[in-house]
C-alpha atoms as a PDB file:
ATOM      1  CA  MET A   1     112.347 135.344  63.093  1.00  0.00           C
ATOM      2  CA  HIS A   2     113.937 138.719  63.372  1.00  0.00           C
ATOM      3  CA  ARG A   3     113.754 141.377  65.702  1.00  0.00           C
ATOM      4  CA  LYS A   4     112.219 143.783  62.702  1.00  0.00           C
ATOM      5  CA  LEU A   5     109.789 141.181  61.555  1.00  0.00           C
ATOM      6  CA  ARG A   6     107.872 140.975  65.046  1.00  0.00           C
ATOM      7  CA  LEU A   7     105.150 143.274  66.058  1.00  0.00           C
ATOM      8  CA  ARG A   8     105.966 143.869  70.026  1.00  0.00           C
ATOM      9  CA  LYS A   9     104.228 147.250  70.522  1.00  0.00           C
ATOM     10  CA  ARG A  10     100.736 147.558  71.964  1.00  0.00           C
ATOM     11  CA  GLU A  11      99.739 149.869  69.855  1.00  0.00           C
ATOM     12  CA  ASP A  12     100.888 147.873  66.676  1.00  0.00           C
ATOM     13  CA  PHE A  13      98.781 145.108  68.082  1.00  0.00           C
ATOM     14  CA  ASN A  14      95.639 147.306  68.819  1.00  0.00           C
ATOM     15  CA  VAL A  15      95.574 149.183  65.107  1.00  0.00           C
ATOM     16  CA  VAL A  16      95.754 145.797  63.298  1.00  0.00           C
ATOM     17  CA  TYR A  17      92.875 144.081  66.157  1.00  0.00           C
ATOM     18  CA  ARG A  18      91.024 147.443  65.143  1.00  0.00           C
ATOM     19  CA  TYR A  19      91.215 148.360  61.498  1.00  0.00           C
ATOM     20  CA  GLY A  20      92.587 144.902  60.315  1.00  0.00           C
ATOM     21  CA  ARG A  21      90.301 141.681  58.856  1.00  0.00           C
ATOM     22  CA  SER A  22      90.014 138.256  60.162  1.00  0.00           C
ATOM     23  CA  PHE A  23      89.851 134.641  59.307  1.00  0.00           C
ATOM     24  CA  ALA A  24      89.795 131.544  61.647  1.00  0.00           C
ATOM     25  CA  ASN A  25      90.300 127.610  61.566  1.00  0.00           C
ATOM     26  CA  SER A  26      89.646 125.747  64.516  1.00  0.00           C
ATOM     27  CA  GLN A  27      93.486 126.151  65.785  1.00  0.00           C
ATOM     28  CA  PHE A  28      94.489 129.448  64.347  1.00  0.00           C
ATOM     29  CA  VAL A  29      92.948 133.222  64.167  1.00  0.00           C
ATOM     30  CA  VAL A  30      94.973 135.210  61.920  1.00  0.00           C
ATOM     31  CA  TYR A  31      94.075 139.525  62.011  1.00  0.00           C
ATOM     32  CA  TRP A  32      95.802 141.017  59.327  1.00  0.00           C
ATOM     33  CA  ARG A  33      96.458 144.664  57.867  1.00  0.00           C
ATOM     34  CA  ARG A  34      98.025 145.999  54.747  1.00  0.00           C
ATOM     35  CA  ARG A  35     100.508 149.024  56.216  1.00  0.00           C
ATOM     36  CA  SER A  36     101.878 151.892  53.503  1.00  0.00           C
ATOM     37  CA  GLN A  37     105.714 151.545  54.523  1.00  0.00           C
ATOM     38  CA  LYS A  38     107.090 149.278  52.292  1.00  0.00           C
ATOM     39  CA  GLY A  39     109.094 146.287  53.754  1.00  0.00           C
ATOM     40  CA  SER A  40     109.201 142.843  55.183  1.00  0.00           C
ATOM     41  CA  PHE A  41     105.760 141.658  57.036  1.00  0.00           C
ATOM     42  CA  ARG A  42     105.611 141.948  60.645  1.00  0.00           C
ATOM     43  CA  MET A  43     103.516 139.390  62.817  1.00  0.00           C
ATOM     44  CA  GLY A  44     102.787 138.992  66.682  1.00  0.00           C
ATOM     45  CA  VAL A  45     101.683 135.923  68.459  1.00  0.00           C
ATOM     46  CA  SER A  46      99.047 135.845  71.282  1.00  0.00           C
ATOM     47  CA  ALA A  47      98.530 132.555  73.229  1.00  0.00           C
ATOM     48  CA  SER A  48      95.938 132.869  75.896  1.00  0.00           C
ATOM     49  CA  SER A  49      96.996 131.855  79.604  1.00  0.00           C
ATOM     50  CA  LYS A  50      93.658 129.665  79.328  1.00  0.00           C
ATOM     51  CA  LEU A  51      95.825 127.095  76.910  1.00  0.00           C
ATOM     52  CA  GLY A  52      98.226 126.632  80.221  1.00  0.00           C
ATOM     53  CA  ASN A  53     101.169 127.859  82.084  1.00  0.00           C
ATOM     54  CA  ALA A  54     104.291 130.009  80.691  1.00  0.00           C
ATOM     55  CA  VAL A  55     106.379 127.185  79.606  1.00  0.00           C
ATOM     56  CA  VAL A  56     103.044 126.012  77.252  1.00  0.00           C
ATOM     57  CA  ARG A  57     102.485 129.232  75.935  1.00  0.00           C
ATOM     58  CA  ASN A  58     106.071 129.847  75.128  1.00  0.00           C
ATOM     59  CA  ARG A  59     106.240 126.339  73.176  1.00  0.00           C
ATOM     60  CA  LEU A  60     103.474 127.083  71.456  1.00  0.00           C
ATOM     61  CA  ARG A  61     104.647 130.526  70.204  1.00  0.00           C
ATOM     62  CA  ARG A  62     108.215 129.204  69.160  1.00  0.00           C
ATOM     63  CA  MET A  63     106.741 126.517  67.123  1.00  0.00           C
ATOM     64  CA  VAL A  64     104.029 128.984  65.513  1.00  0.00           C
ATOM     65  CA  LYS A  65     107.266 132.141  65.058  1.00  0.00           C
ATOM     66  CA  GLU A  66     109.467 128.777  63.280  1.00  0.00           C
ATOM     67  CA  ILE A  67     107.061 127.756  61.053  1.00  0.00           C
ATOM     68  CA  VAL A  68     106.418 131.571  59.771  1.00  0.00           C
ATOM     69  CA  ARG A  69     110.124 132.164  59.550  1.00  0.00           C
ATOM     70  CA  LEU A  70     110.567 128.929  57.370  1.00  0.00           C
ATOM     71  CA  ASN A  71     107.572 129.842  55.079  1.00  0.00           C
ATOM     72  CA  ALA A  72     108.909 133.385  55.078  1.00  0.00           C
ATOM     73  CA  GLY A  73     109.130 133.705  51.780  1.00  0.00           C
ATOM     74  CA  LYS A  74     105.709 132.760  50.948  1.00  0.00           C
ATOM     75  CA  LEU A  75     104.158 135.567  52.796  1.00  0.00           C
ATOM     76  CA  LEU A  76     102.840 139.101  51.513  1.00  0.00           C
ATOM     77  CA  GLU A  77     104.847 142.313  51.903  1.00  0.00           C
ATOM     78  CA  ASP A  78     103.573 145.323  53.752  1.00  0.00           C
ATOM     79  CA  THR A  79     101.265 143.388  55.786  1.00  0.00           C
ATOM     80  CA  ASP A  80     101.210 143.263  60.106  1.00  0.00           C
ATOM     81  CA  LEU A  81      99.338 140.228  60.845  1.00  0.00           C
ATOM     82  CA  ILE A  82      98.577 138.721  64.379  1.00  0.00           C
ATOM     83  CA  LEU A  83      98.140 134.592  64.719  1.00  0.00           C
ATOM     84  CA  ILE A  84      96.030 133.933  67.585  1.00  0.00           C
ATOM     85  CA  VAL A  85      96.624 130.337  68.824  1.00  0.00           C
ATOM     86  CA  ARG A  86      93.530 128.266  69.828  1.00  0.00           C
ATOM     87  CA  LYS A  87      93.061 125.548  72.588  1.00  0.00           C
ATOM     88  CA  PRO A  88      92.714 122.675  69.708  1.00  0.00           C
ATOM     89  CA  ALA A  89      96.295 123.831  68.233  1.00  0.00           C
ATOM     90  CA  LEU A  90      97.862 122.245  72.079  1.00  0.00           C
ATOM     91  CA  SER A  91      97.507 118.287  70.741  1.00  0.00           C
ATOM     92  CA  LEU A  92      98.854 119.093  67.591  1.00  0.00           C
ATOM     93  CA  PRO A  93     102.208 117.727  66.031  1.00  0.00           C
ATOM     94  CA  TYR A  94     104.524 119.826  63.981  1.00  0.00           C
ATOM     95  CA  LYS A  95     103.743 118.955  60.973  1.00  0.00           C
ATOM     96  CA  GLU A  96     100.085 119.204  61.269  1.00  0.00           C
ATOM     97  CA  MET A  97     100.692 122.909  63.061  1.00  0.00           C
ATOM     98  CA  GLU A  98     102.341 123.715  59.859  1.00  0.00           C
ATOM     99  CA  SER A  99      99.476 122.660  57.818  1.00  0.00           C
ATOM    100  CA  SER A 100      96.657 124.263  59.577  1.00  0.00           C
ATOM    101  CA  ILE A 101      98.726 127.492  59.896  1.00  0.00           C
ATOM    102  CA  LEU A 102      99.447 127.912  55.819  1.00  0.00           C
ATOM    103  CA  HIS A 103      96.043 127.160  55.751  1.00  0.00           C
ATOM    104  CA  VAL A 104      94.517 129.882  57.628  1.00  0.00           C
ATOM    105  CA  LEU A 105      97.340 132.442  55.571  1.00  0.00           C
ATOM    106  CA  ARG A 106      95.917 130.699  52.333  1.00  0.00           C
ATOM    107  CA  LYS A 107      92.505 131.316  53.360  1.00  0.00           C
ATOM    108  CA  SER A 108      93.211 134.778  54.428  1.00  0.00           C
ATOM    109  CA  SER A 109      95.203 135.570  51.199  1.00  0.00           C
ATOM    110  CA  LEU A 110      97.986 136.103  52.736  1.00  0.00           C
ATOM    111  CA  LEU A 111     100.307 133.994  50.521  1.00  0.00           C
ATOM    112  CA  LYS A 112     101.661 135.157  47.689  1.00  0.00           C
ATOM    113  CA  GLY A 113      99.878 133.417  44.639  1.00  0.00           C
ATOM    114  CA  SER A 114      96.576 133.271  46.525  1.00  0.00           C
ATOM    115  CA  ILE A 115      93.171 133.506  45.462  1.00  0.00           C
ATOM    116  CA  PRO A 116      91.418 136.716  47.514  1.00  0.00           C
ATOM    117  CA  ASN A 117      88.873 135.634  49.915  1.00  0.00           C
ATOM    118  CA  MET A 118      85.990 137.588  49.644  1.00  0.00           C
ATOM    119  CA  GLY A 119      84.061 135.288  52.310  1.00  0.00           C
ATOM    120  CA  GLY A 120      85.263 134.116  56.010  1.00  0.00           C
ATOM    121  CA  SER A 121      84.952 136.134  59.388  1.00  0.00           C
ATOM    122  CA  GLN A 122      85.757 139.938  57.837  1.00  0.00           C
ATOM    123  CA  LYS A 123      84.233 142.655  59.342  1.00  0.00           C
ATOM    124  CA  PRO A 124      81.732 144.737  58.456  1.00  0.00           C
ATOM    125  CA  SER A 125      82.165 147.488  55.238  1.00  0.00           C
ATOM    126  CA  GLY A 126      79.489 149.636  56.446  1.00  0.00           C
ATOM    127  CA  ARG A 127      77.939 148.878  52.997  1.00  0.00           C
ATOM    128  CA  VAL A 128      74.762 147.663  54.384  1.00  0.00           C
ATOM    129  CA  ASN A 129      73.913 151.032  56.199  1.00  0.00           C
ATOM    130  CA  SER A 130      74.355 153.017  53.068  1.00  0.00           C
ATOM    131  CA  LEU A 131      72.340 150.746  50.756  1.00  0.00           C
ATOM    132  CA  LYS A 132      69.462 151.218  53.667  1.00  0.00           C
ATOM    133  CA  ARG A 133      70.247 154.886  53.474  1.00  0.00           C
ATOM    134  CA  ARG A 134      69.760 154.125  49.611  1.00  0.00           C
ATOM    135  CA  ASN A 135      66.693 152.503  49.878  1.00  0.00           C
ATOM    136  CA  GLY A 136      65.064 154.640  51.735  1.00  0.00           C
ATOM    137  CA  ASN A 137      65.728 152.473  55.402  1.00  0.00           C
ATOM    138  CA  LYS A 138      62.632 149.926  54.488  1.00  0.00           C
ATOM    139  CA  ASP A 139      63.262 147.551  57.254  1.00  0.00           C
ATOM    140  CA  LYS A 140      60.923 149.476  59.411  1.00  0.00           C
END
């Protein structure tokens, strides 16, 4: 992946984790956040040390980056995203890993032409608290 398309700084990762949305399947988790700056998407890959030694983690990162690079034309612009590799991804062959990554990106509405996903594991919007205030907090 080209250097401009990578998330590298800790602050960039923290902003996406804190203010972004997320979606997961059994092999991958994706966090994403829309950026105000125009340009291409930026991506970071995270692989925990629980997955294996450095050789295994770096191999997984390289495979994920290559899959995203080959499908870069399908991804939405002006987006920061982080792909987190889960343990079940270790045993996947390349083609299954590609379909799993595309699945999680499609479900999180990060592919061009995909229908926005209103469900999934997203951070709460604060709407519940505003409804409680409006209804007089009847849950007491």
